Amino acid sequence: MVSVMFVGHLGELPLAGASLATSLANVTGYSLLTGMASAMDTLCGQAYGARQYHLLGVYKQRAMVVLALACIPIAFVWACAGRILLLLGQDAAIAAEAGAYARWLLPSLAAYVPLQCHIRFLQTQSVVLPVTASSGATALLHLLVCWLLVFKAGMGSKGAALANAVSYGINLVILVIYVRVSSACKSTWSGFSGEAFKELRQFMALAMPSAMMICLEWWSFEILVLLSGLLPNPQLETSVLSICLNTGALLYMVPLGLCSSISTRVSNEIGAGQPRAAKQAFRVVMYMAFSEGLVISLTMFMLRNFWGYMYSNEQEVVTYIARMLPVLAISFFIDGLHSSLSGVLTGCGKQKIGAAVNLGAFYVVGIPMAVLLAFSLHLNGMGLWLGIVCGSIIKLLMLVFISCRIDWDEEAVKAKERVFSSSLPLA
């Protein structure tokens, strides 16, 4: 978000290009890698609950191997981003700017993959304070890194892209040092092992539906930015939609934290054979999601006339953002509820069901409705987001129905079978 903010003060065209490149990078890279890494939420969480601590280090290494292989096609797509966007019908000037930005994002992949794996490795053990401190320190440093590269070094938008790699690298180094020296990881990390290259197919069997569960939803929001480039006045529409998406990414961190927490609690409890505790955790997180959703939505509504100035000095952009934020507030509230429900499914290892729900909610309902409202009814960017809100409502209703029908005793049995079916000797 900070990188896009810095680029936004360079002008409307750099902002549109960086936003489009960020959307493409999210669609083809970050979302896929994040989704595949979330398989660790299930595997590591259940193994930790079952006290098979040695498996966590092995799962982390397997994840890094699989994700590193996935980076090969991702890098190729990013290198050709400018030409791909032109083929998708985007404005030539914006596509050229986006292509240059995407190429400077390539170094970030080298740090992003092991960083994601280390974060999951620690979170599933409920070791969260070191991750929080590391992320906080990195976020503060990112402001300085962006300022140095964008303005002092004169790199412009390219510097903002490169700053991502620098900050990811800083965060990774901090967590690597912590894992190596902390007594909290003594039983879960015993060094690199050749076991990391075994059972990769089994890991992929969970990693791919995990990726689809996250990607299908993430992609639907990124498609909004791509569609905005086809609207009248594409620079304005793309800039505004990208700001909305970045705002959503910022505010989504709170429900994402709840999602990670409930995934960890559910996986730990059913791995330990405590289905009643898992069910209680599910109830608690829904109350918390409802409460935080109300607070965030009301806050965004009250700040609607000022939020746009964080991204742009263009009055046209600021006014447009003010009109969009009430719709976004509703969207954030709904997203907070269904993200917690998604965490419950992840903790149980039901990613295939989650992926099917996202496919139906966003691609059968959400995106078609967005196209209808934006292009047929001429609501433009507002119509795009209203369509996705419709998809979010459908997803929430489906996940409520599925979650209420979970047999927690049966899930505890499945978790035990998953953990103890490993080819490694038991600890």
Protein backbone atom coordinates (compact mmCIF):
# COMPACT_ATOMS: atom_id res chain seq x y z
CA MET A 1 0.00 0.00 0.00
CA VAL A 2 2.81 2.42 0.88
CA SER A 3 4.55 1.79 -2.45
CA VAL A 4 1.39 2.71 -4.38
CA MET A 5 0.95 5.80 -2.19
CA PHE A 6 4.44 7.04 -3.09
CA VAL A 7 3.82 6.42 -6.79
CA GLY A 8 0.47 8.21 -6.58
CA HIS A 9 2.28 11.47 -5.79
CA LEU A 10 4.29 11.16 -9.01
CA GLY A 11 1.19 11.68 -11.15
CA GLU A 12 -1.91 9.97 -12.49
CA LEU A 13 -0.16 7.92 -15.18
CA PRO A 14 2.51 6.42 -12.85
CA LEU A 15 -0.25 5.64 -10.34
CA ALA A 16 -2.38 3.91 -12.97
CA GLY A 17 0.62 1.94 -14.26
CA ALA A 18 1.80 0.87 -10.81
CA SER A 19 -1.73 -0.06 -9.81
CA LEU A 20 -2.24 -2.17 -12.92
CA ALA A 21 1.14 -3.87 -12.47
CA THR A 22 0.36 -4.56 -8.82
CA SER A 23 -2.96 -6.07 -9.85
CA LEU A 24 -1.28 -8.30 -12.41
CA ALA A 25 1.39 -9.31 -9.90
CA ASN A 26 -1.29 -10.16 -7.36
CA VAL A 27 -3.33 -12.17 -9.85
CA THR A 28 -0.44 -14.16 -11.32
CA GLY A 29 2.00 -14.33 -8.43
CA TYR A 30 1.41 -13.17 -4.89
CA SER A 31 -2.09 -14.65 -4.59
CA LEU A 32 -0.95 -18.02 -5.93
CA LEU A 33 2.08 -18.18 -3.63
CA THR A 34 0.12 -17.03 -0.59
CA GLY A 35 -2.60 -19.56 -1.32
CA MET A 36 -0.17 -22.44 -1.75
CA ALA A 37 1.61 -21.49 1.49
CA SER A 38 -1.72 -21.60 3.34
CA ALA A 39 -1.62 -25.40 3.06
CA MET A 40 0.81 -25.09 5.97
CA ASP A 41 -2.02 -23.69 8.10
CA THR A 42 -3.71 -27.07 7.95
CA LEU A 43 -0.68 -29.37 7.95
CA CYS A 44 1.50 -27.56 10.51
CA GLY A 45 -1.44 -26.60 12.71
CA GLN A 46 -2.78 -30.14 13.01
CA ALA A 47 0.73 -31.60 13.46
CA TYR A 48 1.43 -29.13 16.26
CA GLY A 49 -1.85 -30.01 17.98
CA ALA A 50 -0.96 -33.70 17.72
CA ARG A 51 2.48 -32.97 19.26
CA GLN A 52 4.30 -34.16 16.15
CA TYR A 53 6.56 -31.13 16.33
CA HIS A 54 9.26 -32.42 13.99
CA LEU A 55 6.81 -32.35 11.08
CA LEU A 56 6.52 -28.56 11.13
CA GLY A 57 10.10 -28.00 9.97
CA VAL A 58 9.69 -30.59 7.23
CA TYR A 59 6.43 -29.04 6.01
CA LYS A 60 8.09 -25.62 5.91
CA GLN A 61 10.89 -26.91 3.73
CA ARG A 62 8.47 -28.74 1.41
CA ALA A 63 6.48 -25.56 1.02
CA MET A 64 9.59 -23.59 0.05
CA VAL A 65 10.54 -26.19 -2.57
CA VAL A 66 7.07 -26.25 -4.13
CA LEU A 67 6.66 -22.47 -4.06
CA ALA A 68 10.12 -21.90 -5.56
CA LEU A 69 9.17 -24.09 -8.52
CA ALA A 70 5.96 -22.12 -8.94
CA CYS A 71 7.98 -18.90 -9.22
CA ILE A 72 9.46 -19.93 -12.58
CA PRO A 73 6.30 -19.36 -14.68
CA ILE A 74 5.37 -16.37 -12.50
CA ALA A 75 8.66 -14.63 -13.32
CA PHE A 76 8.09 -15.18 -17.03
CA VAL A 77 4.63 -13.60 -16.86
CA TRP A 78 5.91 -10.56 -14.96
CA ALA A 79 8.73 -10.07 -17.45
CA CYS A 80 6.15 -9.91 -20.26
CA ALA A 81 3.58 -7.89 -18.30
CA GLY A 82 3.52 -4.91 -20.69
CA ARG A 83 2.71 -7.02 -23.73
CA ILE A 84 0.14 -9.08 -21.81
CA LEU A 85 -1.73 -5.95 -20.74
CA LEU A 86 -1.78 -4.66 -24.29
CA LEU A 87 -3.31 -7.95 -25.44
CA LEU A 88 -5.96 -7.51 -22.74
CA GLY A 89 -6.94 -4.19 -24.31
CA GLN A 90 -5.39 -1.84 -21.78
CA ASP A 91 -4.31 1.70 -22.68
CA ALA A 92 -0.85 1.65 -24.32
CA ALA A 93 0.70 4.28 -22.07
CA ILE A 94 -0.58 2.61 -18.91
CA ALA A 95 0.52 -0.83 -20.14
CA ALA A 96 4.08 0.41 -20.79
CA GLU A 97 4.28 1.97 -17.34
CA ALA A 98 2.89 -1.19 -15.75
CA GLY A 99 5.33 -3.41 -17.66
CA ALA A 100 8.33 -1.51 -16.31
CA TYR A 101 6.94 -1.61 -12.76
CA ALA A 102 6.29 -5.37 -12.96
CA ARG A 103 9.86 -6.12 -14.08
CA TRP A 104 11.19 -4.30 -11.03
CA LEU A 105 8.93 -6.44 -8.85
CA LEU A 106 10.76 -9.63 -9.91
CA PRO A 107 13.44 -9.49 -7.16
CA SER A 108 10.70 -9.55 -4.53
CA LEU A 109 9.87 -13.18 -5.35
CA ALA A 110 13.19 -14.38 -3.94
CA ALA A 111 12.27 -13.08 -0.49
CA TYR A 112 8.50 -13.47 -0.63
CA VAL A 113 8.49 -17.29 -0.85
CA PRO A 114 10.61 -18.10 2.23
CA LEU A 115 9.01 -15.19 4.10
CA GLN A 116 5.51 -16.62 3.66
CA CYS A 117 6.70 -20.06 4.77
CA HIS A 118 8.39 -18.70 7.88
CA ILE A 119 5.29 -16.70 8.84
CA ARG A 120 3.03 -19.77 8.53
CA PHE A 121 5.56 -21.91 10.37
CA LEU A 122 5.48 -19.55 13.36
CA GLN A 123 1.78 -18.70 13.33
CA THR A 124 0.66 -22.32 13.48
CA GLN A 125 2.65 -22.63 16.73
CA SER A 126 0.88 -19.51 18.07
CA VAL A 127 4.23 -17.71 17.98
CA VAL A 128 2.76 -14.40 16.82
CA LEU A 129 4.50 -11.61 18.73
CA PRO A 130 7.84 -12.04 16.89
CA VAL A 131 5.99 -12.00 13.56
CA THR A 132 4.10 -8.88 14.60
CA ALA A 133 7.26 -7.10 15.75
CA SER A 134 9.14 -8.06 12.59
CA SER A 135 6.30 -6.92 10.34
CA GLY A 136 5.91 -3.66 12.26
CA ALA A 137 9.60 -2.84 12.05
CA THR A 138 9.61 -3.67 8.35
CA ALA A 139 6.56 -1.51 7.67
CA LEU A 140 8.23 1.49 9.31
CA LEU A 141 11.46 0.88 7.42
CA HIS A 142 9.51 0.55 4.17
CA LEU A 143 8.54 4.22 4.39
CA LEU A 144 12.22 5.14 4.50
CA VAL A 145 13.18 2.67 1.77
CA CYS A 146 10.46 4.00 -0.56
CA TRP A 147 11.46 7.62 0.06
CA LEU A 148 15.13 6.87 -0.58
CA LEU A 149 14.55 4.90 -3.80
CA VAL A 150 11.64 6.91 -5.25
CA PHE A 151 12.83 10.45 -4.54
CA LYS A 152 16.42 10.55 -3.31
CA ALA A 153 17.76 7.97 -5.79
CA GLY A 154 15.47 9.35 -8.51
CA MET A 155 14.14 5.92 -9.51
CA GLY A 156 10.50 7.02 -9.50
CA SER A 157 7.94 4.23 -9.71
CA LYS A 158 10.68 1.65 -10.33
CA GLY A 159 12.13 2.48 -6.92
CA ALA A 160 8.74 1.83 -5.31
CA ALA A 161 8.66 -1.61 -6.91
CA LEU A 162 12.20 -2.45 -5.84
CA ALA A 163 11.41 -1.28 -2.30
CA ASN A 164 9.09 -4.27 -1.93
CA ALA A 165 11.99 -6.68 -2.42
CA VAL A 166 14.15 -4.79 0.07
CA SER A 167 11.45 -4.78 2.74
CA TYR A 168 10.51 -8.43 2.23
CA GLY A 169 14.20 -9.26 2.58
CA ILE A 170 14.51 -7.35 5.84
CA ASN A 171 11.46 -9.09 7.27
CA LEU A 172 12.77 -12.50 6.19
CA VAL A 173 16.20 -11.99 7.76
CA ILE A 174 14.62 -11.05 11.10
CA LEU A 175 12.41 -14.15 11.16
CA VAL A 176 15.19 -16.49 10.01
CA ILE A 177 17.40 -15.31 12.86
CA TYR A 178 14.54 -15.74 15.33
CA VAL A 179 13.79 -19.31 14.22
CA ARG A 180 17.47 -20.26 14.46
CA VAL A 181 18.15 -18.82 17.92
CA SER A 182 14.81 -18.95 19.75
CA SER A 183 14.05 -21.73 22.21
CA ALA A 184 10.39 -21.54 21.09
CA CYS A 185 11.35 -23.26 17.82
CA LYS A 186 13.80 -25.75 19.29
CA SER A 187 11.42 -28.72 18.93
CA THR A 188 9.95 -27.69 15.58
CA TRP A 189 13.11 -26.75 13.66
CA SER A 190 16.08 -29.12 13.58
CA GLY A 191 17.75 -27.93 10.38
CA PHE A 192 17.43 -28.75 6.71
CA SER A 193 16.52 -32.30 5.80
CA GLY A 194 16.28 -34.42 2.67
CA GLU A 195 12.72 -35.26 3.76
CA ALA A 196 11.73 -31.89 2.29
CA PHE A 197 11.91 -33.43 -1.19
CA LYS A 198 9.63 -36.35 -0.31
CA GLU A 199 5.86 -36.46 -0.53
CA LEU A 200 5.79 -33.31 -2.64
CA ARG A 201 2.78 -34.65 -4.51
CA GLN A 202 0.85 -35.04 -1.25
CA PHE A 203 1.73 -31.48 -0.30
CA MET A 204 0.60 -30.25 -3.71
CA ALA A 205 -2.71 -32.11 -3.27
CA LEU A 206 -3.55 -29.69 -0.47
CA ALA A 207 -1.58 -26.69 -1.72
CA MET A 208 -3.46 -26.36 -5.02
CA PRO A 209 -7.01 -26.25 -3.57
CA SER A 210 -5.62 -23.93 -0.87
CA ALA A 211 -4.31 -21.67 -3.63
CA MET A 212 -7.59 -21.80 -5.54
CA MET A 213 -9.55 -20.98 -2.39
CA ILE A 214 -7.58 -17.76 -1.94
CA CYS A 215 -6.88 -16.96 -5.59
CA LEU A 216 -10.45 -17.19 -6.85
CA GLU A 217 -11.52 -14.50 -4.40
CA TRP A 218 -8.35 -12.40 -4.79
CA TRP A 219 -8.56 -12.58 -8.57
CA SER A 220 -12.14 -11.39 -8.61
CA PHE A 221 -11.14 -8.11 -6.97
CA GLU A 222 -8.13 -7.70 -9.25
CA ILE A 223 -10.35 -8.28 -12.29
CA LEU A 224 -12.19 -5.13 -11.21
CA VAL A 225 -9.05 -3.07 -11.83
CA LEU A 226 -8.51 -4.70 -15.23
CA LEU A 227 -12.14 -4.02 -16.16
CA SER A 228 -11.79 -0.43 -14.99
CA GLY A 229 -9.21 0.09 -17.75
CA LEU A 230 -11.99 -0.55 -20.28
CA LEU A 231 -14.27 2.14 -18.86
CA PRO A 232 -14.45 5.75 -20.14
CA ASN A 233 -11.57 7.83 -18.70
CA PRO A 234 -9.48 4.72 -17.91
CA GLN A 235 -6.73 6.57 -16.02
CA LEU A 236 -9.21 7.95 -13.50
CA GLU A 237 -11.19 4.71 -13.16
CA THR A 238 -8.06 2.55 -12.82
CA SER A 239 -6.55 4.90 -10.27
CA VAL A 240 -9.71 5.02 -8.16
CA LEU A 241 -10.36 1.27 -8.29
CA SER A 242 -6.73 0.55 -7.39
CA ILE A 243 -6.97 2.91 -4.41
CA CYS A 244 -10.14 1.10 -3.32
CA LEU A 245 -8.35 -2.22 -3.69
CA ASN A 246 -5.34 -1.00 -1.71
CA THR A 247 -7.67 0.37 0.96
CA GLY A 248 -9.39 -2.98 1.07
CA ALA A 249 -6.05 -4.76 1.40
CA LEU A 250 -5.13 -2.51 4.33
CA LEU A 251 -8.39 -2.95 6.21
CA TYR A 252 -8.57 -6.65 5.38
CA MET A 253 -5.54 -7.19 7.60
CA VAL A 254 -7.81 -7.19 10.67
CA PRO A 255 -10.18 -9.95 9.47
CA LEU A 256 -7.17 -11.71 7.96
CA GLY A 257 -5.67 -11.81 11.44
CA LEU A 258 -8.89 -13.37 12.72
CA CYS A 259 -8.81 -15.81 9.80
CA SER A 260 -5.25 -16.89 10.66
CA SER A 261 -6.13 -17.12 14.36
CA ILE A 262 -9.19 -19.30 13.90
CA SER A 263 -7.36 -21.47 11.39
CA THR A 264 -4.60 -22.04 13.95
CA ARG A 265 -6.99 -22.65 16.85
CA VAL A 266 -9.21 -25.04 14.90
CA SER A 267 -6.30 -26.99 13.41
CA ASN A 268 -4.51 -27.18 16.78
CA GLU A 269 -7.61 -28.30 18.66
CA ILE A 270 -8.78 -30.96 16.22
CA GLY A 271 -5.19 -32.14 15.85
CA ALA A 272 -5.12 -32.56 19.62
CA GLY A 273 -8.44 -34.42 19.55
CA GLN A 274 -10.45 -31.59 21.15
CA PRO A 275 -13.45 -31.03 18.83
CA ARG A 276 -15.50 -29.13 21.43
CA ALA A 277 -12.73 -26.58 21.89
CA ALA A 278 -12.55 -26.13 18.10
CA LYS A 279 -16.30 -25.49 17.94
CA GLN A 280 -16.09 -22.94 20.76
CA ALA A 281 -13.26 -21.12 18.97
CA PHE A 282 -15.48 -20.95 15.87
CA ARG A 283 -18.26 -19.26 17.87
CA VAL A 284 -15.89 -16.76 19.48
CA VAL A 285 -14.29 -15.64 16.20
CA MET A 286 -17.68 -14.91 14.63
CA TYR A 287 -18.56 -12.52 17.46
CA MET A 288 -15.20 -10.83 17.05
CA ALA A 289 -15.57 -10.58 13.26
CA PHE A 290 -18.99 -8.96 13.61
CA SER A 291 -17.69 -6.40 16.12
CA GLU A 292 -14.56 -5.39 14.20
CA GLY A 293 -16.55 -5.20 10.97
CA LEU A 294 -18.90 -2.62 12.47
CA VAL A 295 -16.04 -0.51 13.81
CA ILE A 296 -14.06 -0.50 10.56
CA SER A 297 -17.10 0.18 8.38
CA LEU A 298 -18.24 3.14 10.48
CA THR A 299 -14.69 4.54 10.58
CA MET A 300 -14.32 4.41 6.80
CA PHE A 301 -17.69 6.09 6.33
CA MET A 302 -16.66 8.97 8.59
CA LEU A 303 -13.28 9.37 6.82
CA ARG A 304 -14.71 9.23 3.29
CA ASN A 305 -13.98 12.90 2.50
CA PHE A 306 -10.33 12.72 3.57
CA TRP A 307 -9.12 9.24 2.63
CA GLY A 308 -8.36 10.05 -1.01
CA TYR A 309 -5.70 12.63 -0.09
CA MET A 310 -3.47 9.81 1.21
CA TYR A 311 -3.11 8.56 -2.36
CA SER A 312 -3.48 11.55 -4.63
CA ASN A 313 -3.56 15.35 -4.82
CA GLU A 314 -5.99 15.22 -7.76
CA GLN A 315 -9.34 16.62 -6.59
CA GLU A 316 -11.20 14.49 -9.12
CA VAL A 317 -9.70 11.33 -7.62
CA VAL A 318 -10.41 12.43 -4.03
CA THR A 319 -14.07 13.22 -4.80
CA TYR A 320 -14.56 9.89 -6.56
CA ILE A 321 -13.06 8.01 -3.60
CA ALA A 322 -15.46 9.81 -1.24
CA ARG A 323 -18.41 8.48 -3.27
CA MET A 324 -17.00 4.94 -3.29
CA LEU A 325 -16.16 4.51 0.40
CA PRO A 326 -19.75 3.92 1.69
CA VAL A 327 -20.01 0.96 -0.71
CA LEU A 328 -16.57 -0.22 0.39
CA ALA A 329 -17.64 -0.02 4.04
CA ILE A 330 -20.45 -2.49 3.36
CA SER A 331 -18.04 -4.71 1.45
CA PHE A 332 -15.49 -4.68 4.29
CA PHE A 333 -18.13 -5.71 6.82
CA ILE A 334 -19.25 -8.70 4.77
CA ASP A 335 -15.67 -9.70 3.92
CA GLY A 336 -14.74 -9.73 7.60
CA LEU A 337 -17.44 -12.27 8.37
CA HIS A 338 -16.77 -14.67 5.54
CA SER A 339 -12.99 -14.50 5.92
CA SER A 340 -13.33 -15.93 9.45
CA LEU A 341 -15.53 -18.70 8.11
CA SER A 342 -12.88 -19.41 5.47
CA GLY A 343 -10.34 -19.77 8.28
CA VAL A 344 -12.53 -22.42 9.87
CA LEU A 345 -12.56 -24.42 6.64
CA THR A 346 -8.77 -24.09 6.32
CA GLY A 347 -8.24 -25.35 9.86
CA CYS A 348 -10.33 -28.40 9.00
CA GLY A 349 -8.57 -28.99 5.67
CA LYS A 350 -11.71 -28.28 3.62
CA GLN A 351 -10.03 -26.06 1.04
CA LYS A 352 -11.73 -27.80 -1.89
CA ILE A 353 -15.13 -26.79 -0.55
CA GLY A 354 -13.89 -23.24 0.00
CA ALA A 355 -12.60 -23.06 -3.57
CA ALA A 356 -15.95 -24.26 -4.95
CA VAL A 357 -17.81 -21.64 -2.91
CA ASN A 358 -15.57 -18.84 -4.20
CA LEU A 359 -15.97 -20.04 -7.78
CA GLY A 360 -19.75 -19.92 -7.55
CA ALA A 361 -20.06 -16.72 -5.52
CA PHE A 362 -17.65 -14.53 -7.46
CA TYR A 363 -17.60 -15.95 -10.98
CA VAL A 364 -21.22 -17.06 -11.37
CA VAL A 365 -22.71 -14.09 -9.48
CA GLY A 366 -20.20 -11.36 -8.58
CA ILE A 367 -18.28 -10.61 -11.77
CA PRO A 368 -21.24 -10.98 -14.18
CA MET A 369 -23.22 -8.63 -11.94
CA ALA A 370 -20.28 -6.18 -11.89
CA VAL A 371 -20.10 -6.16 -15.69
CA LEU A 372 -23.86 -5.64 -15.95
CA LEU A 373 -23.90 -2.72 -13.52
CA ALA A 374 -20.75 -1.03 -14.84
CA PHE A 375 -21.18 -1.37 -18.60
CA SER A 376 -24.89 -1.95 -19.23
CA LEU A 377 -26.29 0.32 -16.53
CA HIS A 378 -23.33 2.74 -16.85
CA LEU A 379 -22.50 2.89 -13.12
CA ASN A 380 -18.79 2.62 -14.03
CA GLY A 381 -16.45 1.96 -11.08
CA MET A 382 -19.30 2.05 -8.57
CA GLY A 383 -21.07 -0.67 -10.52
CA LEU A 384 -17.97 -2.87 -10.57
CA TRP A 385 -17.68 -2.83 -6.81
CA LEU A 386 -21.43 -3.28 -6.22
CA GLY A 387 -21.29 -6.43 -8.32
CA ILE A 388 -18.53 -7.90 -6.18
CA VAL A 389 -20.51 -7.03 -3.04
CA CYS A 390 -23.31 -9.22 -4.40
CA GLY A 391 -20.83 -12.07 -4.78
CA SER A 392 -19.56 -11.53 -1.23
CA ILE A 393 -23.10 -11.79 0.15
CA ILE A 394 -23.63 -15.11 -1.65
CA LYS A 395 -20.31 -16.40 -0.30
CA LEU A 396 -21.22 -15.44 3.26
CA LEU A 397 -24.56 -17.24 3.09
CA MET A 398 -23.00 -20.40 1.66
CA LEU A 399 -20.20 -20.50 4.24
CA VAL A 400 -22.63 -19.99 7.13
CA PHE A 401 -24.63 -22.98 5.92
CA ILE A 402 -21.51 -25.17 5.48
CA SER A 403 -19.90 -24.18 8.79
CA CYS A 404 -23.04 -24.89 10.80
CA ARG A 405 -23.09 -28.44 9.42
CA ILE A 406 -19.49 -29.36 10.35
CA ASP A 407 -19.18 -32.60 12.34
CA TRP A 408 -16.37 -31.63 14.71
CA ASP A 409 -15.82 -35.15 16.05
CA GLU A 410 -15.37 -36.45 12.53
CA GLU A 411 -12.92 -33.64 11.72
CA ALA A 412 -10.80 -34.60 14.74
CA VAL A 413 -10.56 -38.17 13.44
CA LYS A 414 -9.57 -36.97 9.97
CA ALA A 415 -6.89 -34.69 11.42
CA LYS A 416 -5.37 -37.58 13.36
CA GLU A 417 -5.27 -39.72 10.22
CA ARG A 418 -3.65 -36.91 8.21
CA VAL A 419 -0.89 -36.30 10.77
CA PHE A 420 -0.01 -39.93 11.48
CA SER A 421 -0.08 -40.99 7.84
CA SER A 422 3.22 -39.15 7.32
CA SER A 423 6.11 -41.26 6.09
CA LEU A 424 8.33 -39.84 8.87
CA PRO A 425 8.83 -41.85 12.04
CA LEU A 426 6.74 -40.64 14.94
CA ALA A 427 8.38 -38.37 17.52
